[in-house]
Amino acid sequence: MTSSAGAIDRLGRPDTRPGARDATDRRRVLVELVREGPYQELEGVLAEIDRAYAELAAGYSEEELAIVHDFAVRANDLIHEQTLRLRAE
């Protein structure tokens, strides 16, 4: 399936609503996210995750959280660099 065919297929997904064609580029179609149904379900899941993370973080001091944050950022950078290295091989 070509990328344009895939994009056209996604326009009919229940979580998007096809919109009007772009006035300056007739190939573009603007879509609108439907904020009911699956979107609302995802919002609920993410809200629960957010609440759980806040509860977890409450057990640490600001200094400890700064150390955890530093580690997470540096670990993420390391994983990104290693992923790029592996892709290049």
N, C-alpha and C. Protein backbone atom coordinates (compact mmCIF):
# COMPACT_ATOMS: atom_id res chain seq x y z
N MET A 1 0.85 -1.18 0.00
CA MET A 1 0.00 0.00 0.00
C MET A 1 0.89 1.23 0.00
N THR A 2 0.59 2.17 -0.86
CA THR A 2 1.38 3.41 -0.90
C THR A 2 1.06 4.27 0.30
N SER A 3 1.94 5.21 0.57
CA SER A 3 1.70 6.06 1.74
C SER A 3 0.44 6.90 1.56
N SER A 4 0.17 7.33 0.34
CA SER A 4 -1.05 8.12 0.13
C SER A 4 -2.30 7.27 0.32
N ALA A 5 -2.24 6.00 -0.13
CA ALA A 5 -3.40 5.11 0.07
C ALA A 5 -3.61 4.86 1.56
N GLY A 6 -2.53 4.69 2.30
CA GLY A 6 -2.64 4.50 3.75
C GLY A 6 -3.22 5.71 4.42
N ALA A 7 -2.82 6.87 3.97
CA ALA A 7 -3.35 8.12 4.55
C ALA A 7 -4.84 8.24 4.28
N ILE A 8 -5.23 7.90 3.07
CA ILE A 8 -6.66 7.96 2.72
C ILE A 8 -7.45 6.97 3.57
N ASP A 9 -6.90 5.78 3.78
CA ASP A 9 -7.57 4.79 4.63
C ASP A 9 -7.75 5.32 6.04
N ARG A 10 -6.73 6.01 6.56
CA ARG A 10 -6.80 6.53 7.94
C ARG A 10 -7.84 7.63 8.08
N LEU A 11 -8.18 8.30 6.99
CA LEU A 11 -9.18 9.36 7.08
C LEU A 11 -10.53 8.82 7.53
N GLY A 12 -10.77 7.55 7.28
CA GLY A 12 -12.04 6.95 7.68
C GLY A 12 -12.02 6.34 9.06
N ARG A 13 -10.93 6.48 9.79
CA ARG A 13 -10.86 5.91 11.14
C ARG A 13 -11.87 6.58 12.05
N PRO A 14 -12.37 5.84 13.04
CA PRO A 14 -13.40 6.41 13.92
C PRO A 14 -12.90 7.55 14.80
N ASP A 15 -11.58 7.70 14.97
CA ASP A 15 -11.07 8.75 15.84
C ASP A 15 -10.66 10.01 15.07
N THR A 16 -10.95 10.04 13.76
CA THR A 16 -10.69 11.24 12.98
C THR A 16 -11.93 11.59 12.18
N ARG A 17 -12.03 12.84 11.84
CA ARG A 17 -13.16 13.31 11.03
C ARG A 17 -12.58 14.06 9.84
N PRO A 18 -12.88 13.59 8.62
CA PRO A 18 -12.36 14.32 7.46
C PRO A 18 -12.86 15.75 7.46
N GLY A 19 -12.00 16.64 7.07
CA GLY A 19 -12.38 18.04 7.02
C GLY A 19 -12.38 18.54 5.59
N ALA A 20 -12.23 19.82 5.46
CA ALA A 20 -12.25 20.46 4.14
C ALA A 20 -10.89 20.31 3.48
N ARG A 21 -10.91 20.41 2.16
CA ARG A 21 -9.65 20.42 1.41
C ARG A 21 -8.95 21.75 1.69
N ASP A 22 -7.63 21.70 1.66
CA ASP A 22 -6.82 22.89 1.84
C ASP A 22 -7.04 23.82 0.64
N ALA A 23 -7.31 25.08 0.91
CA ALA A 23 -7.61 26.03 -0.17
C ALA A 23 -6.40 26.30 -1.05
N THR A 24 -5.19 26.16 -0.51
CA THR A 24 -3.99 26.46 -1.28
C THR A 24 -3.35 25.23 -1.91
N ASP A 25 -3.71 24.03 -1.47
CA ASP A 25 -3.14 22.80 -2.01
C ASP A 25 -4.23 21.74 -2.04
N ARG A 26 -4.81 21.50 -3.21
CA ARG A 26 -5.97 20.61 -3.31
C ARG A 26 -5.64 19.16 -2.96
N ARG A 27 -4.34 18.82 -2.88
CA ARG A 27 -3.97 17.46 -2.49
C ARG A 27 -4.11 17.25 -0.99
N ARG A 28 -4.09 18.31 -0.22
CA ARG A 28 -4.17 18.21 1.23
C ARG A 28 -5.62 18.21 1.68
N VAL A 29 -5.89 17.34 2.64
CA VAL A 29 -7.20 17.32 3.29
C VAL A 29 -6.95 17.49 4.78
N LEU A 30 -7.62 18.45 5.36
CA LEU A 30 -7.47 18.71 6.79
C LEU A 30 -8.40 17.77 7.55
N VAL A 31 -7.87 17.14 8.60
CA VAL A 31 -8.69 16.24 9.42
C VAL A 31 -8.77 16.79 10.83
N GLU A 32 -9.80 16.41 11.52
CA GLU A 32 -10.04 16.89 12.88
C GLU A 32 -10.11 15.67 13.80
N LEU A 33 -9.45 15.75 14.93
CA LEU A 33 -9.50 14.68 15.91
C LEU A 33 -10.86 14.69 16.59
N VAL A 34 -11.50 13.55 16.64
CA VAL A 34 -12.79 13.42 17.33
C VAL A 34 -12.48 13.16 18.80
N ARG A 35 -12.97 14.03 19.67
CA ARG A 35 -12.62 13.93 21.09
C ARG A 35 -13.58 13.07 21.88
N GLU A 36 -14.33 12.23 21.21
CA GLU A 36 -15.21 11.29 21.89
C GLU A 36 -14.67 9.87 21.62
N GLY A 37 -15.28 8.90 22.27
CA GLY A 37 -14.95 7.50 22.00
C GLY A 37 -13.54 7.14 22.38
N PRO A 38 -12.74 6.61 21.43
CA PRO A 38 -11.39 6.14 21.74
C PRO A 38 -10.51 7.22 22.37
N TYR A 39 -10.65 8.45 21.93
CA TYR A 39 -9.85 9.55 22.49
C TYR A 39 -10.14 9.72 23.97
N GLN A 40 -11.42 9.70 24.34
CA GLN A 40 -11.79 9.85 25.75
C GLN A 40 -11.28 8.67 26.57
N GLU A 41 -11.33 7.48 26.00
CA GLU A 41 -10.81 6.31 26.71
C GLU A 41 -9.31 6.46 26.97
N LEU A 42 -8.58 6.93 25.96
CA LEU A 42 -7.14 7.14 26.12
C LEU A 42 -6.87 8.21 27.15
N GLU A 43 -7.65 9.28 27.14
CA GLU A 43 -7.49 10.34 28.14
C GLU A 43 -7.63 9.78 29.55
N GLY A 44 -8.60 8.88 29.73
CA GLY A 44 -8.80 8.27 31.05
C GLY A 44 -7.61 7.43 31.47
N VAL A 45 -7.08 6.64 30.54
CA VAL A 45 -5.91 5.80 30.83
C VAL A 45 -4.72 6.68 31.19
N LEU A 46 -4.48 7.72 30.39
CA LEU A 46 -3.34 8.60 30.64
C LEU A 46 -3.50 9.37 31.95
N ALA A 47 -4.71 9.73 32.30
CA ALA A 47 -4.94 10.43 33.58
C ALA A 47 -4.59 9.51 34.74
N GLU A 48 -4.94 8.25 34.63
CA GLU A 48 -4.61 7.28 35.69
C GLU A 48 -3.10 7.08 35.80
N ILE A 49 -2.42 7.01 34.66
CA ILE A 49 -0.96 6.87 34.67
C ILE A 49 -0.33 8.11 35.30
N ASP A 50 -0.83 9.30 34.94
CA ASP A 50 -0.33 10.55 35.50
C ASP A 50 -0.49 10.57 37.01
N ARG A 51 -1.67 10.15 37.48
CA ARG A 51 -1.92 10.11 38.92
C ARG A 51 -0.95 9.16 39.62
N ALA A 52 -0.72 7.99 39.01
CA ALA A 52 0.18 7.00 39.60
C ALA A 52 1.62 7.52 39.65
N TYR A 53 2.07 8.20 38.59
CA TYR A 53 3.42 8.78 38.59
C TYR A 53 3.55 9.87 39.65
N ALA A 54 2.53 10.69 39.79
CA ALA A 54 2.57 11.75 40.80
C ALA A 54 2.66 11.15 42.19
N GLU A 55 1.92 10.08 42.41
CA GLU A 55 1.96 9.39 43.71
C GLU A 55 3.35 8.81 43.95
N LEU A 56 3.94 8.21 42.93
CA LEU A 56 5.28 7.65 43.05
C LEU A 56 6.29 8.75 43.35
N ALA A 57 6.22 9.86 42.61
CA ALA A 57 7.18 10.95 42.78
C ALA A 57 7.05 11.60 44.15
N ALA A 58 5.88 11.56 44.74
CA ALA A 58 5.67 12.19 46.05
C ALA A 58 6.54 11.57 47.14
N GLY A 59 7.03 10.36 46.91
CA GLY A 59 7.88 9.69 47.89
C GLY A 59 9.34 10.10 47.82
N TYR A 60 9.69 11.03 46.93
CA TYR A 60 11.08 11.44 46.76
C TYR A 60 11.21 12.94 47.03
N SER A 61 12.37 13.32 47.50
CA SER A 61 12.65 14.75 47.70
C SER A 61 12.93 15.39 46.34
N GLU A 62 12.94 16.72 46.31
CA GLU A 62 13.26 17.44 45.07
C GLU A 62 14.66 17.08 44.59
N GLU A 63 15.59 16.95 45.52
CA GLU A 63 16.97 16.59 45.16
C GLU A 63 17.02 15.19 44.56
N GLU A 64 16.31 14.25 45.16
CA GLU A 64 16.27 12.89 44.61
C GLU A 64 15.62 12.86 43.23
N LEU A 65 14.55 13.62 43.06
CA LEU A 65 13.89 13.67 41.76
C LEU A 65 14.81 14.27 40.69
N ALA A 66 15.63 15.24 41.07
CA ALA A 66 16.57 15.83 40.13
C ALA A 66 17.58 14.78 39.66
N ILE A 67 18.02 13.93 40.58
CA ILE A 67 18.96 12.85 40.22
C ILE A 67 18.28 11.83 39.32
N VAL A 68 17.05 11.45 39.65
CA VAL A 68 16.31 10.50 38.82
C VAL A 68 16.09 11.09 37.43
N HIS A 69 15.74 12.36 37.37
CA HIS A 69 15.52 13.03 36.08
C HIS A 69 16.80 13.04 35.26
N ASP A 70 17.92 13.40 35.88
CA ASP A 70 19.20 13.42 35.18
C ASP A 70 19.52 12.04 34.62
N PHE A 71 19.34 11.01 35.43
CA PHE A 71 19.61 9.65 34.97
C PHE A 71 18.71 9.28 33.79
N ALA A 72 17.42 9.59 33.90
CA ALA A 72 16.48 9.23 32.84
C ALA A 72 16.83 9.93 31.52
N VAL A 73 17.18 11.21 31.59
CA VAL A 73 17.55 11.95 30.38
C VAL A 73 18.81 11.36 29.77
N ARG A 74 19.82 11.11 30.60
CA ARG A 74 21.08 10.56 30.08
C ARG A 74 20.90 9.15 29.55
N ALA A 75 20.08 8.34 30.20
CA ALA A 75 19.82 6.98 29.72
C ALA A 75 19.07 7.02 28.39
N ASN A 76 18.12 7.93 28.26
CA ASN A 76 17.38 8.08 27.01
C ASN A 76 18.33 8.50 25.88
N ASP A 77 19.22 9.43 26.15
CA ASP A 77 20.20 9.85 25.14
C ASP A 77 21.09 8.67 24.73
N LEU A 78 21.52 7.90 25.71
CA LEU A 78 22.36 6.74 25.43
C LEU A 78 21.63 5.73 24.55
N ILE A 79 20.39 5.45 24.87
CA ILE A 79 19.59 4.50 24.07
C ILE A 79 19.42 5.03 22.65
N HIS A 80 19.16 6.32 22.52
CA HIS A 80 19.01 6.91 21.19
C HIS A 80 20.30 6.76 20.38
N GLU A 81 21.43 7.10 20.99
CA GLU A 81 22.72 6.98 20.30
C GLU A 81 22.99 5.54 19.89
N GLN A 82 22.71 4.60 20.77
CA GLN A 82 22.97 3.18 20.45
C GLN A 82 22.03 2.68 19.36
N THR A 83 20.79 3.17 19.36
CA THR A 83 19.85 2.80 18.31
C THR A 83 20.35 3.29 16.95
N LEU A 84 20.82 4.54 16.91
CA LEU A 84 21.37 5.07 15.66
C LEU A 84 22.59 4.27 15.21
N ARG A 85 23.44 3.88 16.17
CA ARG A 85 24.62 3.09 15.84
C ARG A 85 24.22 1.75 15.24
N LEU A 86 23.24 1.09 15.86
CA LEU A 86 22.80 -0.22 15.37
C LEU A 86 22.17 -0.11 13.98
N ARG A 87 21.43 0.94 13.75
CA ARG A 87 20.81 1.13 12.43
C ARG A 87 21.85 1.35 11.35
N ALA A 88 22.96 1.97 11.71
CA ALA A 88 24.01 2.28 10.75
C ALA A 88 24.81 1.04 10.37
N GLU A 89 24.81 0.01 11.22
CA GLU A 89 25.59 -1.20 10.94
C GLU A 89 24.96 -2.05 9.87
